[in-house]
Amino acid sequence: MKRKSKTEEAATPALPDFRLEEFLPYRLSVAANRVSRMFAHRYSQAFGLTIPEWRVLAVVGRLGTISPSAVGEMTAMDKVKVSRAAASLVTRGLLKQAQDPNDGRGRLLSLTRKGVGVHNGVVPLAKELEGSLSDGLNKQEWAVLNKALVKLTEHVIGIDGVSIEGGPD
């Protein structure tokens, strides 16, 4: 009986019944990446924004003045990604950064006048793109998807026992 080489052994699947393309975390990641790339392309063309920059801009635009760590919690982006996006937006004159009066080391972000203008232009584009996505489902399916995503996110937080900051982007 011929013995398998190490190369042949490594090529033999350890779990032959495991199909990555049917694995929910993989499918969610692929769908999210495809949607993000679509949005990134449009935001870049129209406003020269990356996805992290758009997310920071959207949160600051909605809430007014907010700390970078709060932005990270709301967007599930890690601190480094938020920091780089915020720094880029400050450099471009879309955000201003100030010292947090309640925390000597903390910073607060807010939109500049130019940032408000860009935010007001990006929001309709975001809604248009979301509308394009929703066209792929009927109204009931869209509502079920949104409800399921909220429920799944809350469940993951419960399992993990931590906030969503630092999650995949």
N, C-alpha and C. Protein backbone atom coordinates (compact mmCIF):
# COMPACT_ATOMS: atom_id res chain seq x y z
N MET A 1 0.83 -1.17 0.00
CA MET A 1 0.00 0.00 0.00
C MET A 1 0.88 1.24 0.00
N LYS A 2 0.63 2.12 -0.94
CA LYS A 2 1.44 3.32 -1.08
C LYS A 2 0.99 4.36 -0.06
N ARG A 3 1.95 4.95 0.61
CA ARG A 3 1.66 5.98 1.61
C ARG A 3 1.55 7.34 0.92
N LYS A 4 0.60 8.20 1.40
CA LYS A 4 0.42 9.53 0.82
C LYS A 4 1.57 10.44 1.18
N SER A 5 1.96 11.28 0.23
CA SER A 5 3.00 12.26 0.51
C SER A 5 2.41 13.35 1.39
N LYS A 6 3.27 14.19 1.98
CA LYS A 6 2.80 15.29 2.83
C LYS A 6 1.97 16.28 2.03
N THR A 7 2.31 16.49 0.77
CA THR A 7 1.55 17.39 -0.09
C THR A 7 0.14 16.85 -0.31
N GLU A 8 0.04 15.54 -0.57
CA GLU A 8 -1.27 14.92 -0.78
C GLU A 8 -2.09 14.97 0.50
N GLU A 9 -1.45 14.75 1.66
CA GLU A 9 -2.17 14.81 2.92
C GLU A 9 -2.69 16.21 3.18
N ALA A 10 -1.90 17.22 2.88
CA ALA A 10 -2.31 18.61 3.11
C ALA A 10 -3.46 18.99 2.20
N ALA A 11 -3.52 18.39 1.01
CA ALA A 11 -4.59 18.73 0.06
C ALA A 11 -5.90 18.03 0.40
N THR A 12 -5.85 17.01 1.24
CA THR A 12 -7.06 16.29 1.62
C THR A 12 -7.86 17.15 2.60
N PRO A 13 -9.13 17.43 2.27
CA PRO A 13 -9.93 18.27 3.16
C PRO A 13 -10.14 17.60 4.52
N ALA A 14 -9.96 18.38 5.58
CA ALA A 14 -10.14 17.87 6.93
C ALA A 14 -11.63 17.70 7.24
N LEU A 15 -12.46 18.61 6.72
CA LEU A 15 -13.90 18.56 6.94
C LEU A 15 -14.60 18.58 5.58
N PRO A 16 -14.73 17.42 4.95
CA PRO A 16 -15.28 17.40 3.60
C PRO A 16 -16.71 17.93 3.50
N ASP A 17 -17.45 17.94 4.60
CA ASP A 17 -18.83 18.43 4.55
C ASP A 17 -18.94 19.94 4.79
N PHE A 18 -17.82 20.62 5.00
CA PHE A 18 -17.83 22.06 5.22
C PHE A 18 -17.69 22.79 3.90
N ARG A 19 -18.69 23.61 3.58
CA ARG A 19 -18.69 24.36 2.33
C ARG A 19 -18.66 25.85 2.68
N LEU A 20 -17.52 26.47 2.46
CA LEU A 20 -17.35 27.87 2.81
C LEU A 20 -18.44 28.74 2.21
N GLU A 21 -18.80 28.49 0.96
CA GLU A 21 -19.79 29.33 0.29
C GLU A 21 -21.19 29.23 0.91
N GLU A 22 -21.39 28.28 1.81
CA GLU A 22 -22.67 28.15 2.51
C GLU A 22 -22.57 28.59 3.97
N PHE A 23 -21.41 29.00 4.41
CA PHE A 23 -21.14 29.39 5.79
C PHE A 23 -21.59 30.84 6.00
N LEU A 24 -22.54 31.06 6.91
CA LEU A 24 -23.15 32.37 7.06
C LEU A 24 -22.15 33.51 7.29
N PRO A 25 -21.19 33.39 8.20
CA PRO A 25 -20.24 34.50 8.37
C PRO A 25 -19.52 34.87 7.07
N TYR A 26 -19.16 33.86 6.29
CA TYR A 26 -18.51 34.10 5.00
C TYR A 26 -19.47 34.83 4.05
N ARG A 27 -20.70 34.36 3.97
CA ARG A 27 -21.68 34.97 3.07
C ARG A 27 -21.98 36.41 3.46
N LEU A 28 -22.08 36.67 4.77
CA LEU A 28 -22.31 38.04 5.23
C LEU A 28 -21.12 38.93 4.85
N SER A 29 -19.92 38.41 5.04
CA SER A 29 -18.71 39.17 4.71
C SER A 29 -18.64 39.48 3.23
N VAL A 30 -18.91 38.49 2.39
CA VAL A 30 -18.86 38.70 0.94
C VAL A 30 -19.90 39.74 0.53
N ALA A 31 -21.12 39.61 1.04
CA ALA A 31 -22.17 40.57 0.69
C ALA A 31 -21.78 41.97 1.16
N ALA A 32 -21.29 42.09 2.39
CA ALA A 32 -20.90 43.40 2.93
C ALA A 32 -19.75 44.00 2.11
N ASN A 33 -18.78 43.17 1.74
CA ASN A 33 -17.65 43.67 0.95
C ASN A 33 -18.10 44.16 -0.42
N ARG A 34 -18.99 43.43 -1.05
CA ARG A 34 -19.48 43.85 -2.37
C ARG A 34 -20.27 45.15 -2.28
N VAL A 35 -21.11 45.26 -1.27
CA VAL A 35 -21.89 46.49 -1.07
C VAL A 35 -20.94 47.65 -0.77
N SER A 36 -19.97 47.42 0.11
CA SER A 36 -19.01 48.48 0.46
C SER A 36 -18.22 48.94 -0.76
N ARG A 37 -17.81 48.01 -1.60
CA ARG A 37 -17.07 48.39 -2.81
C ARG A 37 -17.94 49.24 -3.74
N MET A 38 -19.22 48.88 -3.85
CA MET A 38 -20.13 49.66 -4.70
C MET A 38 -20.25 51.09 -4.14
N PHE A 39 -20.47 51.20 -2.84
CA PHE A 39 -20.59 52.51 -2.22
C PHE A 39 -19.28 53.27 -2.31
N ALA A 40 -18.16 52.59 -2.05
CA ALA A 40 -16.85 53.25 -2.10
C ALA A 40 -16.59 53.85 -3.46
N HIS A 41 -16.92 53.11 -4.50
CA HIS A 41 -16.71 53.61 -5.87
C HIS A 41 -17.51 54.89 -6.09
N ARG A 42 -18.76 54.90 -5.70
CA ARG A 42 -19.61 56.08 -5.92
C ARG A 42 -19.19 57.25 -5.04
N TYR A 43 -18.86 57.00 -3.76
CA TYR A 43 -18.43 58.08 -2.87
C TYR A 43 -17.11 58.67 -3.33
N SER A 44 -16.22 57.82 -3.83
CA SER A 44 -14.94 58.29 -4.32
C SER A 44 -15.13 59.15 -5.56
N GLN A 45 -15.95 58.68 -6.49
CA GLN A 45 -16.20 59.45 -7.72
C GLN A 45 -16.82 60.80 -7.42
N ALA A 46 -17.85 60.80 -6.58
CA ALA A 46 -18.62 62.02 -6.35
C ALA A 46 -17.96 62.99 -5.37
N PHE A 47 -17.31 62.45 -4.33
CA PHE A 47 -16.82 63.31 -3.26
C PHE A 47 -15.38 63.06 -2.84
N GLY A 48 -14.73 62.08 -3.45
CA GLY A 48 -13.36 61.75 -3.07
C GLY A 48 -13.27 61.17 -1.66
N LEU A 49 -14.32 60.51 -1.21
CA LEU A 49 -14.34 59.94 0.14
C LEU A 49 -14.14 58.43 0.12
N THR A 50 -13.43 57.94 1.12
CA THR A 50 -13.34 56.50 1.34
C THR A 50 -14.52 56.08 2.22
N ILE A 51 -14.76 54.80 2.33
CA ILE A 51 -15.84 54.31 3.19
C ILE A 51 -15.63 54.74 4.65
N PRO A 52 -14.43 54.55 5.23
CA PRO A 52 -14.26 55.02 6.61
C PRO A 52 -14.50 56.53 6.76
N GLU A 53 -14.05 57.32 5.79
CA GLU A 53 -14.29 58.77 5.85
C GLU A 53 -15.79 59.07 5.80
N TRP A 54 -16.50 58.39 4.91
CA TRP A 54 -17.94 58.61 4.81
C TRP A 54 -18.63 58.24 6.12
N ARG A 55 -18.25 57.13 6.73
CA ARG A 55 -18.88 56.70 7.98
C ARG A 55 -18.64 57.71 9.08
N VAL A 56 -17.42 58.20 9.19
CA VAL A 56 -17.12 59.22 10.20
C VAL A 56 -17.92 60.47 9.92
N LEU A 57 -17.93 60.91 8.68
CA LEU A 57 -18.68 62.11 8.29
C LEU A 57 -20.17 61.94 8.59
N ALA A 58 -20.72 60.77 8.30
CA ALA A 58 -22.15 60.53 8.52
C ALA A 58 -22.50 60.58 10.00
N VAL A 59 -21.68 59.97 10.84
CA VAL A 59 -21.96 59.95 12.28
C VAL A 59 -21.82 61.35 12.86
N VAL A 60 -20.76 62.04 12.51
CA VAL A 60 -20.56 63.40 13.02
C VAL A 60 -21.68 64.32 12.51
N GLY A 61 -22.06 64.14 11.25
CA GLY A 61 -23.14 64.95 10.69
C GLY A 61 -24.47 64.72 11.38
N ARG A 62 -24.71 63.50 11.81
CA ARG A 62 -25.97 63.18 12.48
C ARG A 62 -25.99 63.64 13.92
N LEU A 63 -24.85 63.49 14.61
CA LEU A 63 -24.83 63.74 16.06
C LEU A 63 -24.20 65.08 16.45
N GLY A 64 -23.61 65.78 15.51
CA GLY A 64 -23.02 67.08 15.84
C GLY A 64 -21.60 66.95 16.31
N THR A 65 -21.39 67.02 17.59
CA THR A 65 -20.05 66.93 18.18
C THR A 65 -19.95 65.58 18.89
N ILE A 66 -18.88 64.86 18.57
CA ILE A 66 -18.75 63.49 19.09
C ILE A 66 -17.27 63.12 19.16
N SER A 67 -16.94 62.24 20.09
CA SER A 67 -15.56 61.78 20.23
C SER A 67 -15.26 60.71 19.19
N PRO A 68 -13.99 60.58 18.81
CA PRO A 68 -13.62 59.51 17.89
C PRO A 68 -13.96 58.12 18.43
N SER A 69 -13.82 57.91 19.73
CA SER A 69 -14.14 56.58 20.27
C SER A 69 -15.62 56.28 20.15
N ALA A 70 -16.48 57.28 20.31
CA ALA A 70 -17.92 57.07 20.11
C ALA A 70 -18.23 56.78 18.65
N VAL A 71 -17.51 57.43 17.74
CA VAL A 71 -17.68 57.14 16.31
C VAL A 71 -17.32 55.67 16.05
N GLY A 72 -16.21 55.23 16.63
CA GLY A 72 -15.78 53.83 16.48
C GLY A 72 -16.83 52.86 16.98
N GLU A 73 -17.43 53.15 18.12
CA GLU A 73 -18.46 52.27 18.66
C GLU A 73 -19.67 52.21 17.74
N MET A 74 -20.08 53.35 17.21
CA MET A 74 -21.26 53.39 16.36
C MET A 74 -21.04 52.73 15.00
N THR A 75 -19.82 52.79 14.50
CA THR A 75 -19.54 52.29 13.15
C THR A 75 -18.87 50.92 13.14
N ALA A 76 -18.53 50.40 14.30
CA ALA A 76 -17.79 49.12 14.41
C ALA A 76 -16.44 49.19 13.70
N MET A 77 -15.85 50.39 13.67
CA MET A 77 -14.51 50.54 13.10
C MET A 77 -13.50 50.62 14.24
N ASP A 78 -12.31 50.11 14.02
CA ASP A 78 -11.29 50.18 15.06
C ASP A 78 -10.75 51.60 15.18
N LYS A 79 -10.09 51.87 16.29
CA LYS A 79 -9.60 53.22 16.60
C LYS A 79 -8.66 53.76 15.55
N VAL A 80 -7.80 52.91 15.02
CA VAL A 80 -6.84 53.37 14.02
C VAL A 80 -7.56 53.83 12.76
N LYS A 81 -8.54 53.07 12.32
CA LYS A 81 -9.28 53.42 11.10
C LYS A 81 -10.05 54.73 11.30
N VAL A 82 -10.68 54.89 12.46
CA VAL A 82 -11.41 56.13 12.76
C VAL A 82 -10.43 57.30 12.81
N SER A 83 -9.30 57.10 13.47
CA SER A 83 -8.31 58.15 13.60
C SER A 83 -7.78 58.61 12.24
N ARG A 84 -7.48 57.65 11.37
CA ARG A 84 -6.97 58.00 10.04
C ARG A 84 -8.03 58.72 9.21
N ALA A 85 -9.27 58.23 9.27
CA ALA A 85 -10.35 58.87 8.52
C ALA A 85 -10.59 60.28 9.04
N ALA A 86 -10.63 60.44 10.36
CA ALA A 86 -10.85 61.76 10.94
C ALA A 86 -9.71 62.71 10.58
N ALA A 87 -8.48 62.24 10.66
CA ALA A 87 -7.33 63.09 10.31
C ALA A 87 -7.41 63.54 8.85
N SER A 88 -7.79 62.64 7.98
CA SER A 88 -7.93 62.98 6.56
C SER A 88 -9.03 64.03 6.36
N LEU A 89 -10.14 63.86 7.06
CA LEU A 89 -11.26 64.81 6.95
C LEU A 89 -10.91 66.17 7.54
N VAL A 90 -10.11 66.17 8.60
CA VAL A 90 -9.63 67.44 9.18
C VAL A 90 -8.71 68.13 8.18
N THR A 91 -7.78 67.37 7.59
CA THR A 91 -6.84 67.93 6.61
C THR A 91 -7.58 68.52 5.41
N ARG A 92 -8.65 67.88 5.00
CA ARG A 92 -9.43 68.35 3.85
C ARG A 92 -10.40 69.47 4.21
N GLY A 93 -10.46 69.82 5.50
CA GLY A 93 -11.32 70.92 5.92
C GLY A 93 -12.78 70.54 6.09
N LEU A 94 -13.07 69.24 6.20
CA LEU A 94 -14.45 68.79 6.36
C LEU A 94 -14.84 68.60 7.82
N LEU A 95 -13.85 68.34 8.67
CA LEU A 95 -14.07 68.21 10.10
C LEU A 95 -13.15 69.16 10.84
N LYS A 96 -13.59 69.56 12.01
CA LYS A 96 -12.67 70.26 12.92
C LYS A 96 -12.57 69.42 14.18
N GLN A 97 -11.43 69.54 14.80
CA GLN A 97 -11.12 68.75 15.98
C GLN A 97 -10.83 69.72 17.12
N ALA A 98 -11.41 69.44 18.28
CA ALA A 98 -11.18 70.30 19.44
C ALA A 98 -10.90 69.43 20.66
N GLN A 99 -10.30 70.04 21.64
CA GLN A 99 -10.03 69.36 22.91
C GLN A 99 -11.36 69.11 23.62
N ASP A 100 -11.52 67.94 24.20
CA ASP A 100 -12.71 67.61 24.99
C ASP A 100 -12.57 68.30 26.35
N PRO A 101 -13.48 69.23 26.68
CA PRO A 101 -13.37 69.94 27.96
C PRO A 101 -13.50 69.03 29.18
N ASN A 102 -14.09 67.86 29.00
CA ASN A 102 -14.28 66.92 30.11
C ASN A 102 -13.16 65.89 30.22
N ASP A 103 -12.27 65.87 29.23
CA ASP A 103 -11.18 64.91 29.22
C ASP A 103 -9.97 65.57 28.57
N GLY A 104 -8.98 65.87 29.36
CA GLY A 104 -7.81 66.60 28.87
C GLY A 104 -7.11 65.94 27.70
N ARG A 105 -7.20 64.61 27.61
CA ARG A 105 -6.55 63.90 26.51
C ARG A 105 -7.51 63.63 25.35
N GLY A 106 -8.79 63.81 25.58
CA GLY A 106 -9.79 63.47 24.57
C GLY A 106 -9.97 64.55 23.53
N ARG A 107 -10.52 64.12 22.39
CA ARG A 107 -10.81 65.05 21.30
C ARG A 107 -12.28 64.96 20.95
N LEU A 108 -12.79 66.00 20.35
CA LEU A 108 -14.16 66.02 19.86
C LEU A 108 -14.13 66.43 18.39
N LEU A 109 -14.96 65.79 17.61
CA LEU A 109 -15.05 66.07 16.18
C LEU A 109 -16.37 66.75 15.87
N SER A 110 -16.34 67.69 14.94
CA SER A 110 -17.57 68.31 14.45
C SER A 110 -17.33 68.72 12.99
N LEU A 111 -18.44 68.92 12.27
CA LEU A 111 -18.35 69.29 10.86
C LEU A 111 -17.99 70.77 10.72
N THR A 112 -17.22 71.08 9.71
CA THR A 112 -16.99 72.46 9.32
C THR A 112 -18.13 72.86 8.38
N ARG A 113 -18.17 74.09 7.97
CA ARG A 113 -19.17 74.52 7.00
C ARG A 113 -19.03 73.71 5.70
N LYS A 114 -17.79 73.53 5.27
CA LYS A 114 -17.54 72.72 4.07
C LYS A 114 -17.99 71.27 4.30
N GLY A 115 -17.76 70.75 5.50
CA GLY A 115 -18.18 69.39 5.84
C GLY A 115 -19.69 69.23 5.81
N VAL A 116 -20.40 70.25 6.26
CA VAL A 116 -21.87 70.22 6.21
C VAL A 116 -22.32 70.13 4.75
N GLY A 117 -21.67 70.89 3.88
CA GLY A 117 -22.02 70.85 2.46
C GLY A 117 -21.80 69.48 1.85
N VAL A 118 -20.66 68.87 2.16
CA VAL A 118 -20.37 67.54 1.63
C VAL A 118 -21.34 66.53 2.22
N HIS A 119 -21.58 66.61 3.52
CA HIS A 119 -22.52 65.70 4.18
C HIS A 119 -23.90 65.80 3.53
N ASN A 120 -24.34 67.01 3.28
CA ASN A 120 -25.65 67.22 2.66
C ASN A 120 -25.71 66.70 1.23
N GLY A 121 -24.57 66.56 0.58
CA GLY A 121 -24.52 65.98 -0.75
C GLY A 121 -24.41 64.47 -0.73
N VAL A 122 -23.73 63.94 0.28
CA VAL A 122 -23.51 62.51 0.35
C VAL A 122 -24.77 61.76 0.81
N VAL A 123 -25.53 62.36 1.71
CA VAL A 123 -26.71 61.67 2.23
C VAL A 123 -27.69 61.29 1.13
N PRO A 124 -28.04 62.18 0.21
CA PRO A 124 -28.94 61.74 -0.87
C PRO A 124 -28.34 60.62 -1.73
N LEU A 125 -27.02 60.65 -1.95
CA LEU A 125 -26.36 59.59 -2.71
C LEU A 125 -26.47 58.27 -1.94
N ALA A 126 -26.25 58.31 -0.64
CA ALA A 126 -26.35 57.10 0.18
C ALA A 126 -27.76 56.53 0.11
N LYS A 127 -28.75 57.40 0.18
CA LYS A 127 -30.14 56.94 0.11
C LYS A 127 -30.47 56.37 -1.26
N GLU A 128 -29.91 56.98 -2.29
CA GLU A 128 -30.11 56.47 -3.66
C GLU A 128 -29.49 55.08 -3.81
N LEU A 129 -28.28 54.91 -3.30
CA LEU A 129 -27.62 53.61 -3.39
C LEU A 129 -28.36 52.55 -2.57
N GLU A 130 -28.84 52.94 -1.40
CA GLU A 130 -29.63 52.00 -0.59
C GLU A 130 -30.90 51.62 -1.34
N GLY A 131 -31.51 52.59 -2.02
CA GLY A 131 -32.70 52.30 -2.82
C GLY A 131 -32.39 51.29 -3.92
N SER A 132 -31.23 51.43 -4.54
CA SER A 132 -30.82 50.47 -5.58
C SER A 132 -30.69 49.07 -5.00
N LEU A 133 -30.13 48.99 -3.80
CA LEU A 133 -30.02 47.69 -3.13
C LEU A 133 -31.40 47.12 -2.82
N SER A 134 -32.27 47.96 -2.29
CA SER A 134 -33.59 47.48 -1.88
C SER A 134 -34.42 47.03 -3.07
N ASP A 135 -34.10 47.52 -4.27
CA ASP A 135 -34.83 47.09 -5.47
C ASP A 135 -34.66 45.59 -5.74
N GLY A 136 -33.64 44.98 -5.16
CA GLY A 136 -33.41 43.56 -5.33
C GLY A 136 -34.33 42.68 -4.49
N LEU A 137 -35.08 43.30 -3.58
CA LEU A 137 -35.99 42.57 -2.70
C LEU A 137 -37.35 43.26 -2.72
N ASN A 138 -38.40 42.51 -2.38
CA ASN A 138 -39.69 43.19 -2.24
C ASN A 138 -39.73 43.87 -0.86
N LYS A 139 -40.74 44.67 -0.61
CA LYS A 139 -40.80 45.46 0.64
C LYS A 139 -40.77 44.57 1.87
N GLN A 140 -41.48 43.46 1.83
CA GLN A 140 -41.51 42.55 2.98
C GLN A 140 -40.13 41.94 3.22
N GLU A 141 -39.46 41.50 2.15
CA GLU A 141 -38.12 40.92 2.28
C GLU A 141 -37.13 41.95 2.82
N TRP A 142 -37.25 43.20 2.35
CA TRP A 142 -36.36 44.27 2.82
C TRP A 142 -36.56 44.51 4.31
N ALA A 143 -37.81 44.55 4.74
CA ALA A 143 -38.12 44.76 6.17
C ALA A 143 -37.60 43.60 7.01
N VAL A 144 -37.80 42.38 6.52
CA VAL A 144 -37.32 41.20 7.25
C VAL A 144 -35.80 41.21 7.34
N LEU A 145 -35.13 41.56 6.25
CA LEU A 145 -33.66 41.63 6.26
C LEU A 145 -33.18 42.63 7.30
N ASN A 146 -33.74 43.82 7.30
CA ASN A 146 -33.32 44.84 8.26
C ASN A 146 -33.58 44.41 9.71
N LYS A 147 -34.73 43.81 9.95
CA LYS A 147 -35.04 43.34 11.30
C LYS A 147 -34.09 42.22 11.72
N ALA A 148 -33.81 41.31 10.78
CA ALA A 148 -32.90 40.20 11.08
C ALA A 148 -31.48 40.69 11.36
N LEU A 149 -31.02 41.69 10.62
CA LEU A 149 -29.67 42.22 10.85
C LEU A 149 -29.56 42.86 12.23
N VAL A 150 -30.58 43.60 12.64
CA VAL A 150 -30.58 44.21 13.98
C VAL A 150 -30.53 43.11 15.03
N LYS A 151 -31.39 42.12 14.87
CA LYS A 151 -31.47 41.03 15.84
C LYS A 151 -30.16 40.24 15.89
N LEU A 152 -29.58 39.95 14.73
CA LEU A 152 -28.33 39.21 14.68
C LEU A 152 -27.19 40.00 15.33
N THR A 153 -27.13 41.30 15.06
CA THR A 153 -26.10 42.15 15.66
C THR A 153 -26.22 42.16 17.18
N GLU A 154 -27.43 42.31 17.68
CA GLU A 154 -27.65 42.31 19.14
C GLU A 154 -27.26 40.96 19.73
N HIS A 155 -27.57 39.89 19.03
CA HIS A 155 -27.24 38.55 19.51
C HIS A 155 -25.72 38.35 19.57
N VAL A 156 -25.02 38.81 18.54
CA VAL A 156 -23.57 38.69 18.52
C VAL A 156 -22.95 39.46 19.68
N ILE A 157 -23.47 40.65 19.94
CA ILE A 157 -22.96 41.44 21.07
C ILE A 157 -23.20 40.68 22.37
N GLY A 158 -24.35 40.04 22.49
CA GLY A 158 -24.65 39.25 23.68
C GLY A 158 -23.74 38.05 23.84
N ILE A 159 -23.44 37.39 22.75
CA ILE A 159 -22.54 36.22 22.79
C ILE A 159 -21.13 36.66 23.14
N ASP A 160 -20.68 37.71 22.47
CA ASP A 160 -19.32 38.20 22.61
C ASP A 160 -19.10 38.92 23.94
N GLY A 161 -20.15 39.56 24.43
CA GLY A 161 -20.04 40.28 25.69
C GLY A 161 -19.27 41.58 25.59
N VAL A 162 -19.04 42.06 24.38
CA VAL A 162 -18.31 43.31 24.20
C VAL A 162 -19.06 44.16 23.21
N SER A 163 -18.65 45.43 23.14
CA SER A 163 -19.26 46.33 22.17
C SER A 163 -18.82 45.91 20.77
N ILE A 164 -19.41 46.55 19.76
CA ILE A 164 -19.10 46.19 18.38
C ILE A 164 -17.88 46.92 17.84
N GLU A 165 -17.26 47.79 18.64
CA GLU A 165 -16.09 48.51 18.16
C GLU A 165 -14.99 47.52 17.78
N GLY A 166 -14.36 47.85 16.69
CA GLY A 166 -13.23 47.03 16.26
C GLY A 166 -13.62 45.85 15.42
N GLY A 167 -14.90 45.78 15.04
CA GLY A 167 -15.35 44.67 14.22
C GLY A 167 -14.87 44.82 12.79
N PRO A 168 -15.16 43.84 11.98
CA PRO A 168 -14.73 43.93 10.58
C PRO A 168 -15.38 45.08 9.88
N ASP A 169 -14.73 45.58 8.91
CA ASP A 169 -15.26 46.73 8.18
C ASP A 169 -15.51 46.39 6.74
